[in-house]
């Protein structure tokens, strides 16, 4: 103890100095993380204004987010769309406007805490705040049928929400994303669209989680699309030569018909326990038609099954 006692003041001094450095390093790391998360990718110039100038779409700016309504009146179907990690909601106004125009859907694009959807999901699960989807549904009571979806990280968190709230939503819409939880059982429907030239999407995780989708999921791989084509922003992936206008047309070419089929064939019945179930009517059947590995409209590579329909 005598030798230790001799060096103890110096040891204590060094320990205090180390603690100060560790605290300072932690503060710097947190500050850098906040700056990183707080500087999201923004919409390309003019993309939001172009939709605002479209007399078929009403653009409502909310608390950091956007709501897109059909101009001819309230829609009975709504989509809550979670932005990708570090992507501003304004980057999706242009890419989602086609769903409003052509599928008569109200689209809610909320801002995520620190621009990361995982924080919205975590806060909602722990009760620190409401899920963004819960808030959107409460604020738009005229919408009868809700879907949740998102881009990249936002899509994964939307899947988690759908898995936890199967009675609140009827399906999921995935852009350059995958479900990391199993939603294959039950009545949820799903559409998943990825770009063939996407270098950001984790392909191994995407393939590994394919079976988490329902067997009837519509899955499409679109040529010429990278990760940013699912919004209207740049800087996150390599350019492919495909314009954003063409990319959005290709995405809408898959998702709009899927949404039309969903909304045109769906009636609702309420069971005694209050759980809403889907009832397929109007001459269409829920039996799946295997598409196999082939090409859909405009040369899209399409896999999986879709509900067969009389035309």
C-alpha atoms as a PDB file:
ATOM      1  CA  UNK A   1       0.000   0.000   0.000  1.00  0.00           C
ATOM      2  CA  UNK A   2       2.968   2.252   0.627  1.00  0.00           C
ATOM      3  CA  UNK A   3       4.047   2.190  -3.022  1.00  0.00           C
ATOM      4  CA  UNK A   4       0.433   2.552  -4.214  1.00  0.00           C
ATOM      5  CA  UNK A   5      -0.104   5.399  -1.770  1.00  0.00           C
ATOM      6  CA  UNK A   6       2.927   7.151  -3.175  1.00  0.00           C
ATOM      7  CA  UNK A   7       1.512   7.014  -6.740  1.00  0.00           C
ATOM      8  CA  UNK A   8      -2.169   7.391  -5.872  1.00  0.00           C
ATOM      9  CA  UNK A   9      -2.387  11.183  -6.408  1.00  0.00           C
ATOM     10  CA  UNK A  10      -0.876  10.793  -9.872  1.00  0.00           C
ATOM     11  CA  UNK A  11      -3.177   7.841 -10.721  1.00  0.00           C
ATOM     12  CA  UNK A  12      -6.208   9.814  -9.590  1.00  0.00           C
ATOM     13  CA  UNK A  13      -5.099  12.813 -11.616  1.00  0.00           C
ATOM     14  CA  UNK A  14      -4.623  10.681 -14.726  1.00  0.00           C
ATOM     15  CA  UNK A  15      -8.031   9.029 -14.191  1.00  0.00           C
ATOM     16  CA  UNK A  16      -9.738  12.422 -13.941  1.00  0.00           C
ATOM     17  CA  UNK A  17      -7.934  13.577 -17.073  1.00  0.00           C
ATOM     18  CA  UNK A  18      -9.037  10.418 -18.923  1.00  0.00           C
ATOM     19  CA  UNK A  19     -12.635  10.899 -17.765  1.00  0.00           C
ATOM     20  CA  UNK A  20     -12.611  14.485 -19.020  1.00  0.00           C
ATOM     21  CA  UNK A  21     -11.319  13.318 -22.415  1.00  0.00           C
ATOM     22  CA  UNK A  22     -13.942  10.558 -22.609  1.00  0.00           C
ATOM     23  CA  UNK A  23     -16.750  12.974 -21.784  1.00  0.00           C
ATOM     24  CA  UNK A  24     -15.422  15.484 -24.309  1.00  0.00           C
ATOM     25  CA  UNK A  25     -15.168  12.770 -26.971  1.00  0.00           C
ATOM     26  CA  UNK A  26     -18.733  11.650 -26.244  1.00  0.00           C
ATOM     27  CA  UNK A  27     -19.992  15.231 -26.538  1.00  0.00           C
ATOM     28  CA  UNK A  28     -18.188  15.679 -29.851  1.00  0.00           C
ATOM     29  CA  UNK A  29     -19.570  12.368 -31.150  1.00  0.00           C
ATOM     30  CA  UNK A  30     -23.106  13.347 -30.180  1.00  0.00           C
ATOM     31  CA  UNK A  31     -22.681  16.779 -31.748  1.00  0.00           C
ATOM     32  CA  UNK A  32     -21.347  15.276 -34.978  1.00  0.00           C
ATOM     33  CA  UNK A  33     -24.215  12.777 -35.011  1.00  0.00           C
ATOM     34  CA  UNK A  34     -26.780  15.523 -34.522  1.00  0.00           C
ATOM     35  CA  UNK A  35     -25.265  17.620 -37.300  1.00  0.00           C
ATOM     36  CA  UNK A  36     -25.160  14.555 -39.586  1.00  0.00           C
ATOM     37  CA  UNK A  37     -28.782  13.636 -38.879  1.00  0.00           C
ATOM     38  CA  UNK A  38     -29.887  17.255 -38.990  1.00  0.00           C
ATOM     39  CA  UNK A  39     -28.592  17.899 -42.515  1.00  0.00           C
ATOM     40  CA  UNK A  40     -30.822  15.712 -44.696  1.00  0.00           C
ATOM     41  CA  UNK A  41     -30.844  15.355 -48.458  1.00  0.00           C
ATOM     42  CA  UNK A  42     -33.237  17.961 -49.860  1.00  0.00           C
ATOM     43  CA  UNK A  43     -35.564  17.959 -52.854  1.00  0.00           C
ATOM     44  CA  UNK A  44     -34.133  19.003 -56.186  1.00  0.00           C
ATOM     45  CA  UNK A  45     -34.885  22.561 -57.235  1.00  0.00           C
ATOM     46  CA  UNK A  46     -38.404  23.015 -58.495  1.00  0.00           C
ATOM     47  CA  UNK A  47     -39.698  19.511 -57.706  1.00  0.00           C
ATOM     48  CA  UNK A  48     -42.061  20.630 -54.944  1.00  0.00           C
ATOM     49  CA  UNK A  49     -43.147  23.741 -56.826  1.00  0.00           C
ATOM     50  CA  UNK A  50     -44.008  21.644 -59.897  1.00  0.00           C
ATOM     51  CA  UNK A  51     -46.499  19.630 -57.844  1.00  0.00           C
ATOM     52  CA  UNK A  52     -47.881  22.769 -56.208  1.00  0.00           C
ATOM     53  CA  UNK A  53     -48.547  24.117 -59.700  1.00  0.00           C
ATOM     54  CA  UNK A  54     -50.430  20.946 -60.666  1.00  0.00           C
ATOM     55  CA  UNK A  55     -54.148  21.693 -60.390  1.00  0.00           C
ATOM     56  CA  UNK A  56     -54.873  17.982 -59.831  1.00  0.00           C
ATOM     57  CA  UNK A  57     -53.011  17.893 -56.505  1.00  0.00           C
ATOM     58  CA  UNK A  58     -53.424  19.972 -53.354  1.00  0.00           C
ATOM     59  CA  UNK A  59     -50.125  20.307 -51.445  1.00  0.00           C
ATOM     60  CA  UNK A  60     -50.433  21.055 -47.740  1.00  0.00           C
ATOM     61  CA  UNK A  61     -47.296  21.945 -45.799  1.00  0.00           C
ATOM     62  CA  UNK A  62     -47.504  20.653 -42.240  1.00  0.00           C
ATOM     63  CA  UNK A  63     -45.127  20.704 -39.287  1.00  0.00           C
ATOM     64  CA  UNK A  64     -42.015  19.820 -41.257  1.00  0.00           C
ATOM     65  CA  UNK A  65     -43.883  17.438 -43.539  1.00  0.00           C
ATOM     66  CA  UNK A  66     -46.394  17.390 -46.368  1.00  0.00           C
ATOM     67  CA  UNK A  67     -49.878  16.126 -47.128  1.00  0.00           C
ATOM     68  CA  UNK A  68     -50.927  15.594 -50.752  1.00  0.00           C
ATOM     69  CA  UNK A  69     -54.674  15.487 -51.510  1.00  0.00           C
ATOM     70  CA  UNK A  70     -56.570  14.859 -54.741  1.00  0.00           C
ATOM     71  CA  UNK A  71     -57.903  18.212 -55.923  1.00  0.00           C
ATOM     72  CA  UNK A  72     -61.359  16.840 -56.713  1.00  0.00           C
ATOM     73  CA  UNK A  73     -62.202  16.008 -53.101  1.00  0.00           C
ATOM     74  CA  UNK A  74     -61.282  13.891 -50.073  1.00  0.00           C
ATOM     75  CA  UNK A  75     -59.903  10.425 -50.743  1.00  0.00           C
ATOM     76  CA  UNK A  76     -61.114   7.350 -48.900  1.00  0.00           C
ATOM     77  CA  UNK A  77     -57.656   5.761 -49.125  1.00  0.00           C
ATOM     78  CA  UNK A  78     -54.552   7.122 -47.440  1.00  0.00           C
ATOM     79  CA  UNK A  79     -50.856   6.315 -47.414  1.00  0.00           C
ATOM     80  CA  UNK A  80     -48.481   7.356 -44.639  1.00  0.00           C
ATOM     81  CA  UNK A  81     -45.054   7.379 -46.243  1.00  0.00           C
ATOM     82  CA  UNK A  82     -41.932   7.386 -44.032  1.00  0.00           C
ATOM     83  CA  UNK A  83     -38.887   9.131 -45.579  1.00  0.00           C
ATOM     84  CA  UNK A  84     -35.580   7.328 -45.928  1.00  0.00           C
ATOM     85  CA  UNK A  85     -32.746   7.918 -43.500  1.00  0.00           C
ATOM     86  CA  UNK A  86     -31.535  11.523 -43.605  1.00  0.00           C
ATOM     87  CA  UNK A  87     -33.905  12.448 -46.424  1.00  0.00           C
ATOM     88  CA  UNK A  88     -36.190  15.462 -46.065  1.00  0.00           C
ATOM     89  CA  UNK A  89     -39.935  14.924 -46.612  1.00  0.00           C
ATOM     90  CA  UNK A  90     -39.825  17.488 -49.421  1.00  0.00           C
ATOM     91  CA  UNK A  91     -37.806  15.010 -51.502  1.00  0.00           C
ATOM     92  CA  UNK A  92     -40.889  12.779 -51.890  1.00  0.00           C
ATOM     93  CA  UNK A  93     -43.491  15.308 -52.969  1.00  0.00           C
ATOM     94  CA  UNK A  94     -42.599  14.826 -56.633  1.00  0.00           C
ATOM     95  CA  UNK A  95     -42.239  11.045 -56.514  1.00  0.00           C
ATOM     96  CA  UNK A  96     -45.545  10.436 -54.698  1.00  0.00           C
ATOM     97  CA  UNK A  97     -47.729  12.952 -56.510  1.00  0.00           C
ATOM     98  CA  UNK A  98     -48.570  10.377 -59.162  1.00  0.00           C
ATOM     99  CA  UNK A  99     -50.294   8.201 -56.581  1.00  0.00           C
ATOM    100  CA  UNK A 100     -52.538  11.149 -55.719  1.00  0.00           C
ATOM    101  CA  UNK A 101     -53.304  12.004 -59.348  1.00  0.00           C
ATOM    102  CA  UNK A 102     -53.776   8.501 -60.709  1.00  0.00           C
ATOM    103  CA  UNK A 103     -54.849   6.348 -57.747  1.00  0.00           C
ATOM    104  CA  UNK A 104     -56.905   8.946 -55.840  1.00  0.00           C
ATOM    105  CA  UNK A 105     -54.913   8.509 -52.626  1.00  0.00           C
ATOM    106  CA  UNK A 106     -54.169  11.012 -49.874  1.00  0.00           C
ATOM    107  CA  UNK A 107     -50.458  10.822 -49.088  1.00  0.00           C
ATOM    108  CA  UNK A 108     -49.003  11.946 -45.750  1.00  0.00           C
ATOM    109  CA  UNK A 109     -45.229  12.455 -45.616  1.00  0.00           C
ATOM    110  CA  UNK A 110     -44.260  13.175 -41.994  1.00  0.00           C
ATOM    111  CA  UNK A 111     -40.919  14.462 -40.792  1.00  0.00           C
ATOM    112  CA  UNK A 112     -39.040  11.918 -38.728  1.00  0.00           C
ATOM    113  CA  UNK A 113     -37.249  12.746 -35.457  1.00  0.00           C
ATOM    114  CA  UNK A 114     -33.645  13.579 -36.401  1.00  0.00           C
ATOM    115  CA  UNK A 115     -34.647  12.583 -39.944  1.00  0.00           C
ATOM    116  CA  UNK A 116     -34.422   8.882 -39.001  1.00  0.00           C
ATOM    117  CA  UNK A 117     -37.585   6.782 -38.951  1.00  0.00           C
ATOM    118  CA  UNK A 118     -36.111   4.379 -36.415  1.00  0.00           C
ATOM    119  CA  UNK A 119     -36.419   7.117 -33.778  1.00  0.00           C
ATOM    120  CA  UNK A 120     -40.104   7.594 -34.584  1.00  0.00           C
ATOM    121  CA  UNK A 121     -40.710   3.866 -34.221  1.00  0.00           C
ATOM    122  CA  UNK A 122     -38.703   3.619 -31.009  1.00  0.00           C
ATOM    123  CA  UNK A 123     -40.399   6.621 -29.434  1.00  0.00           C
ATOM    124  CA  UNK A 124     -43.806   5.313 -30.432  1.00  0.00           C
ATOM    125  CA  UNK A 125     -43.120   1.884 -28.978  1.00  0.00           C
ATOM    126  CA  UNK A 126     -41.919   3.295 -25.656  1.00  0.00           C
ATOM    127  CA  UNK A 127     -44.727   5.832 -25.388  1.00  0.00           C
ATOM    128  CA  UNK A 128     -42.469   8.880 -25.533  1.00  0.00           C
ATOM    129  CA  UNK A 129     -44.533  10.166 -28.454  1.00  0.00           C
ATOM    130  CA  UNK A 130     -47.146   8.896 -30.859  1.00  0.00           C
ATOM    131  CA  UNK A 131     -46.185   7.033 -33.990  1.00  0.00           C
ATOM    132  CA  UNK A 132     -46.246   9.311 -37.027  1.00  0.00           C
ATOM    133  CA  UNK A 133     -48.769   6.956 -38.616  1.00  0.00           C
ATOM    134  CA  UNK A 134     -51.082   7.205 -35.598  1.00  0.00           C
ATOM    135  CA  UNK A 135     -50.968  10.992 -35.768  1.00  0.00           C
ATOM    136  CA  UNK A 136     -51.662  11.009 -39.513  1.00  0.00           C
ATOM    137  CA  UNK A 137     -54.664   8.731 -39.142  1.00  0.00           C
ATOM    138  CA  UNK A 138     -56.084  10.822 -36.314  1.00  0.00           C
ATOM    139  CA  UNK A 139     -55.691  14.022 -38.338  1.00  0.00           C
ATOM    140  CA  UNK A 140     -57.464  12.611 -41.426  1.00  0.00           C
ATOM    141  CA  UNK A 141     -60.622  10.901 -40.161  1.00  0.00           C
ATOM    142  CA  UNK A 142     -62.236  10.975 -43.619  1.00  0.00           C
ATOM    143  CA  UNK A 143     -59.751   8.333 -44.807  1.00  0.00           C
ATOM    144  CA  UNK A 144     -61.280   4.879 -44.390  1.00  0.00           C
ATOM    145  CA  UNK A 145     -58.503   2.633 -45.676  1.00  0.00           C
ATOM    146  CA  UNK A 146     -54.913   3.189 -44.605  1.00  0.00           C
ATOM    147  CA  UNK A 147     -51.616   1.914 -45.954  1.00  0.00           C
ATOM    148  CA  UNK A 148     -48.156   2.591 -44.579  1.00  0.00           C
ATOM    149  CA  UNK A 149     -44.942   2.597 -46.497  1.00  0.00           C
ATOM    150  CA  UNK A 150     -41.624   4.243 -46.935  1.00  0.00           C
ATOM    151  CA  UNK A 151     -38.306   4.531 -48.640  1.00  0.00           C
ATOM    152  CA  UNK A 152     -35.259   2.580 -47.448  1.00  0.00           C
ATOM    153  CA  UNK A 153     -35.087   2.826 -43.625  1.00  0.00           C
ATOM    154  CA  UNK A 154     -38.539   4.401 -43.666  1.00  0.00           C
ATOM    155  CA  UNK A 155     -39.979   1.330 -45.373  1.00  0.00           C
ATOM    156  CA  UNK A 156     -38.493  -1.012 -42.797  1.00  0.00           C
ATOM    157  CA  UNK A 157     -39.987   1.028 -39.961  1.00  0.00           C
ATOM    158  CA  UNK A 158     -43.346   1.170 -41.750  1.00  0.00           C
ATOM    159  CA  UNK A 159     -43.278  -2.632 -41.891  1.00  0.00           C
ATOM    160  CA  UNK A 160     -42.629  -2.781 -38.165  1.00  0.00           C
ATOM    161  CA  UNK A 161     -45.570  -0.474 -37.572  1.00  0.00           C
ATOM    162  CA  UNK A 162     -47.796  -2.623 -39.805  1.00  0.00           C
ATOM    163  CA  UNK A 163     -46.709  -5.783 -37.989  1.00  0.00           C
ATOM    164  CA  UNK A 164     -47.601  -4.190 -34.643  1.00  0.00           C
ATOM    165  CA  UNK A 165     -50.878  -2.637 -35.870  1.00  0.00           C
ATOM    166  CA  UNK A 166     -52.418  -5.109 -38.346  1.00  0.00           C
ATOM    167  CA  UNK A 167     -55.944  -3.862 -37.626  1.00  0.00           C
ATOM    168  CA  UNK A 168     -55.005  -0.250 -38.386  1.00  0.00           C
ATOM    169  CA  UNK A 169     -53.558  -0.711 -41.879  1.00  0.00           C
ATOM    170  CA  UNK A 170     -54.384  -2.799 -44.923  1.00  0.00           C
ATOM    171  CA  UNK A 171     -50.995  -3.018 -46.575  1.00  0.00           C
ATOM    172  CA  UNK A 172     -47.447  -1.776 -46.982  1.00  0.00           C
ATOM    173  CA  UNK A 173     -45.764   0.104 -49.829  1.00  0.00           C
ATOM    174  CA  UNK A 174     -42.000  -0.375 -50.001  1.00  0.00           C
ATOM    175  CA  UNK A 175     -39.638   1.755 -52.069  1.00  0.00           C
ATOM    176  CA  UNK A 176     -36.036   0.477 -52.178  1.00  0.00           C
ATOM    177  CA  UNK A 177     -36.629  -1.274 -48.877  1.00  0.00           C
ATOM    178  CA  UNK A 178     -37.535  -4.538 -47.183  1.00  0.00           C
ATOM    179  CA  UNK A 179     -39.429  -5.801 -44.156  1.00  0.00           C
ATOM    180  CA  UNK A 180     -37.102  -6.909 -41.368  1.00  0.00           C
ATOM    181  CA  UNK A 181     -40.098  -8.372 -39.506  1.00  0.00           C
ATOM    182  CA  UNK A 182     -42.516 -11.028 -40.702  1.00  0.00           C
ATOM    183  CA  UNK A 183     -45.754  -9.682 -42.172  1.00  0.00           C
ATOM    184  CA  UNK A 184     -46.404 -12.729 -44.332  1.00  0.00           C
ATOM    185  CA  UNK A 185     -49.295 -13.991 -42.213  1.00  0.00           C
ATOM    186  CA  UNK A 186     -52.663 -12.293 -41.906  1.00  0.00           C
ATOM    187  CA  UNK A 187     -54.487 -10.009 -44.326  1.00  0.00           C
ATOM    188  CA  UNK A 188     -51.842  -7.399 -45.088  1.00  0.00           C
ATOM    189  CA  UNK A 189     -51.134  -6.766 -48.758  1.00  0.00           C
ATOM    190  CA  UNK A 190     -47.794  -5.488 -50.024  1.00  0.00           C
ATOM    191  CA  UNK A 191     -46.026  -3.976 -52.987  1.00  0.00           C
ATOM    192  CA  UNK A 192     -42.227  -3.757 -53.130  1.00  0.00           C
ATOM    193  CA  UNK A 193     -40.324  -1.804 -55.769  1.00  0.00           C
ATOM    194  CA  UNK A 194     -36.532  -1.618 -56.026  1.00  0.00           C
ATOM    195  CA  UNK A 195     -34.131  -0.207 -58.583  1.00  0.00           C
ATOM    196  CA  UNK A 196     -31.824  -2.447 -60.576  1.00  0.00           C
ATOM    197  CA  UNK A 197     -29.063   0.170 -60.277  1.00  0.00           C
ATOM    198  CA  UNK A 198     -29.474   0.863 -56.553  1.00  0.00           C
ATOM    199  CA  UNK A 199     -26.045   0.666 -54.864  1.00  0.00           C
ATOM    200  CA  UNK A 200     -27.313   1.830 -51.449  1.00  0.00           C
ATOM    201  CA  UNK A 201     -29.838  -0.926 -50.759  1.00  0.00           C
ATOM    202  CA  UNK A 202     -28.319  -3.877 -48.875  1.00  0.00           C
ATOM    203  CA  UNK A 203     -29.019  -6.602 -51.424  1.00  0.00           C
ATOM    204  CA  UNK A 204     -28.152  -9.470 -49.091  1.00  0.00           C
ATOM    205  CA  UNK A 205     -30.590  -8.202 -46.457  1.00  0.00           C
ATOM    206  CA  UNK A 206     -33.188  -7.525 -49.147  1.00  0.00           C
ATOM    207  CA  UNK A 207     -33.030 -11.100 -50.464  1.00  0.00           C
ATOM    208  CA  UNK A 208     -32.785 -12.591 -46.973  1.00  0.00           C
ATOM    209  CA  UNK A 209     -36.005 -10.830 -45.915  1.00  0.00           C
ATOM    210  CA  UNK A 210     -38.064 -11.512 -49.049  1.00  0.00           C
ATOM    211  CA  UNK A 211     -40.030 -14.249 -47.295  1.00  0.00           C
ATOM    212  CA  UNK A 212     -41.232 -11.734 -44.700  1.00  0.00           C
ATOM    213  CA  UNK A 213     -43.662 -10.388 -47.305  1.00  0.00           C
ATOM    214  CA  UNK A 214     -47.034 -12.009 -48.015  1.00  0.00           C
ATOM    215  CA  UNK A 215     -47.026 -14.632 -50.755  1.00  0.00           C
ATOM    216  CA  UNK A 216     -49.311 -12.363 -52.779  1.00  0.00           C
ATOM    217  CA  UNK A 217     -46.899  -9.401 -52.636  1.00  0.00           C
ATOM    218  CA  UNK A 218     -46.213  -7.563 -55.857  1.00  0.00           C
ATOM    219  CA  UNK A 219     -42.449  -7.314 -56.274  1.00  0.00           C
ATOM    220  CA  UNK A 220     -40.823  -5.367 -59.096  1.00  0.00           C
ATOM    221  CA  UNK A 221     -37.224  -4.564 -60.044  1.00  0.00           C
ATOM    222  CA  UNK A 222     -37.084  -1.485 -62.264  1.00  0.00           C
ATOM    223  CA  UNK A 223     -34.247  -0.969 -64.750  1.00  0.00           C
ATOM    224  CA  UNK A 224     -32.213   2.220 -64.650  1.00  0.00           C
ATOM    225  CA  UNK A 225     -33.306   3.294 -61.161  1.00  0.00           C
ATOM    226  CA  UNK A 226     -30.934   4.066 -58.294  1.00  0.00           C
ATOM    227  CA  UNK A 227     -31.731   4.769 -54.649  1.00  0.00           C
ATOM    228  CA  UNK A 228     -32.519   8.469 -55.084  1.00  0.00           C
ATOM    229  CA  UNK A 229     -34.988   7.907 -57.925  1.00  0.00           C
ATOM    230  CA  UNK A 230     -37.607   6.908 -55.351  1.00  0.00           C
ATOM    231  CA  UNK A 231     -37.561  10.535 -54.279  1.00  0.00           C
ATOM    232  CA  UNK A 232     -36.362  13.690 -55.996  1.00  0.00           C
ATOM    233  CA  UNK A 233     -32.913  14.324 -54.558  1.00  0.00           C
ATOM    234  CA  UNK A 234     -29.270  13.726 -55.411  1.00  0.00           C
ATOM    235  CA  UNK A 235     -25.996  12.858 -53.747  1.00  0.00           C
ATOM    236  CA  UNK A 236     -26.741   9.459 -52.203  1.00  0.00           C
ATOM    237  CA  UNK A 237     -26.197   7.156 -55.182  1.00  0.00           C
ATOM    238  CA  UNK A 238     -24.498   7.035 -58.561  1.00  0.00           C
ATOM    239  CA  UNK A 239     -26.338   8.650 -61.481  1.00  0.00           C
ATOM    240  CA  UNK A 240     -27.709   6.189 -64.024  1.00  0.00           C
ATOM    241  CA  UNK A 241     -28.764   8.461 -66.860  1.00  0.00           C
ATOM    242  CA  UNK A 242     -32.455   7.955 -66.077  1.00  0.00           C
ATOM    243  CA  UNK A 243     -34.342  11.180 -65.419  1.00  0.00           C
ATOM    244  CA  UNK A 244     -36.425  11.560 -62.289  1.00  0.00           C
ATOM    245  CA  UNK A 245     -39.536  12.060 -64.405  1.00  0.00           C
ATOM    246  CA  UNK A 246     -38.993   8.738 -66.187  1.00  0.00           C
ATOM    247  CA  UNK A 247     -38.129   6.987 -62.924  1.00  0.00           C
ATOM    248  CA  UNK A 248     -41.318   8.191 -61.277  1.00  0.00           C
ATOM    249  CA  UNK A 249     -43.353   7.054 -64.281  1.00  0.00           C
ATOM    250  CA  UNK A 250     -41.836   3.584 -63.979  1.00  0.00           C
ATOM    251  CA  UNK A 251     -42.583   3.437 -60.248  1.00  0.00           C
ATOM    252  CA  UNK A 252     -46.146   4.649 -60.786  1.00  0.00           C
ATOM    253  CA  UNK A 253     -46.517   2.045 -63.531  1.00  0.00           C
ATOM    254  CA  UNK A 254     -46.249  -0.621 -60.826  1.00  0.00           C
ATOM    255  CA  UNK A 255     -47.752   1.006 -57.732  1.00  0.00           C
ATOM    256  CA  UNK A 256     -50.713   2.857 -59.246  1.00  0.00           C
ATOM    257  CA  UNK A 257     -52.329  -0.284 -60.766  1.00  0.00           C
ATOM    258  CA  UNK A 258     -51.694  -2.143 -57.502  1.00  0.00           C
ATOM    259  CA  UNK A 259     -53.400   0.605 -55.487  1.00  0.00           C
ATOM    260  CA  UNK A 260     -56.275   0.805 -57.951  1.00  0.00           C
ATOM    261  CA  UNK A 261     -56.833  -2.939 -57.610  1.00  0.00           C
ATOM    262  CA  UNK A 262     -56.665  -2.659 -53.824  1.00  0.00           C
ATOM    263  CA  UNK A 263     -59.080   0.245 -53.568  1.00  0.00           C
ATOM    264  CA  UNK A 264     -61.459  -0.808 -56.350  1.00  0.00           C
ATOM    265  CA  UNK A 265     -62.052  -4.297 -54.961  1.00  0.00           C
ATOM    266  CA  UNK A 266     -62.214  -3.561 -51.273  1.00  0.00           C
ATOM    267  CA  UNK A 267     -65.322  -3.235 -49.186  1.00  0.00           C
ATOM    268  CA  UNK A 268     -65.261  -3.258 -45.402  1.00  0.00           C
ATOM    269  CA  UNK A 269     -67.135  -5.278 -42.826  1.00  0.00           C
ATOM    270  CA  UNK A 270     -66.906  -4.799 -39.100  1.00  0.00           C
ATOM    271  CA  UNK A 271     -66.940  -7.908 -36.940  1.00  0.00           C
ATOM    272  CA  UNK A 272     -68.615  -8.025 -33.516  1.00  0.00           C
ATOM    273  CA  UNK A 273     -65.288  -7.533 -31.773  1.00  0.00           C
ATOM    274  CA  UNK A 274     -64.644  -4.380 -33.797  1.00  0.00           C
ATOM    275  CA  UNK A 275     -61.847  -5.784 -35.941  1.00  0.00           C
ATOM    276  CA  UNK A 276     -62.018  -4.594 -39.527  1.00  0.00           C
ATOM    277  CA  UNK A 277     -61.618  -7.270 -42.195  1.00  0.00           C
ATOM    278  CA  UNK A 278     -61.287  -6.992 -45.964  1.00  0.00           C
ATOM    279  CA  UNK A 279     -63.971  -8.350 -48.242  1.00  0.00           C
ATOM    280  CA  UNK A 280     -63.133  -8.702 -51.935  1.00  0.00           C
ATOM    281  CA  UNK A 281     -66.064  -7.862 -54.180  1.00  0.00           C
ATOM    282  CA  UNK A 282     -66.970  -6.335 -57.579  1.00  0.00           C
ATOM    283  CA  UNK A 283     -66.279  -9.371 -59.721  1.00  0.00           C
ATOM    284  CA  UNK A 284     -62.687  -9.901 -58.636  1.00  0.00           C
ATOM    285  CA  UNK A 285     -61.243 -12.854 -56.791  1.00  0.00           C
ATOM    286  CA  UNK A 286     -58.535 -13.016 -54.162  1.00  0.00           C
ATOM    287  CA  UNK A 287     -56.987 -16.111 -55.718  1.00  0.00           C
ATOM    288  CA  UNK A 288     -53.348 -15.352 -56.534  1.00  0.00           C
ATOM    289  CA  UNK A 289     -52.023 -15.529 -60.066  1.00  0.00           C
ATOM    290  CA  UNK A 290     -48.363 -16.498 -60.297  1.00  0.00           C
ATOM    291  CA  UNK A 291     -46.352 -14.043 -62.317  1.00  0.00           C
ATOM    292  CA  UNK A 292     -43.095 -15.899 -62.043  1.00  0.00           C
ATOM    293  CA  UNK A 293     -39.750 -14.468 -63.082  1.00  0.00           C
ATOM    294  CA  UNK A 294     -40.540 -12.324 -66.062  1.00  0.00           C
ATOM    295  CA  UNK A 295     -41.311  -8.891 -67.357  1.00  0.00           C
ATOM    296  CA  UNK A 296     -44.196  -6.670 -66.436  1.00  0.00           C
ATOM    297  CA  UNK A 297     -45.335  -3.486 -68.173  1.00  0.00           C
ATOM    298  CA  UNK A 298     -42.632  -1.342 -69.771  1.00  0.00           C
ATOM    299  CA  UNK A 299     -40.051  -4.109 -69.349  1.00  0.00           C
ATOM    300  CA  UNK A 300     -40.161  -4.218 -65.553  1.00  0.00           C
ATOM    301  CA  UNK A 301     -38.830  -7.368 -63.985  1.00  0.00           C
ATOM    302  CA  UNK A 302     -41.640  -8.661 -61.807  1.00  0.00           C
ATOM    303  CA  UNK A 303     -41.711 -11.493 -59.303  1.00  0.00           C
ATOM    304  CA  UNK A 304     -44.219 -12.872 -56.864  1.00  0.00           C
ATOM    305  CA  UNK A 305     -48.011 -13.045 -57.071  1.00  0.00           C
ATOM    306  CA  UNK A 306     -50.797 -10.580 -57.495  1.00  0.00           C
ATOM    307  CA  UNK A 307     -54.544 -11.022 -57.083  1.00  0.00           C
ATOM    308  CA  UNK A 308     -56.086 -12.327 -60.273  1.00  0.00           C
ATOM    309  CA  UNK A 309     -58.658  -9.942 -61.718  1.00  0.00           C
ATOM    310  CA  UNK A 310     -61.260  -9.954 -64.413  1.00  0.00           C
ATOM    311  CA  UNK A 311     -60.745  -7.089 -66.768  1.00  0.00           C
END
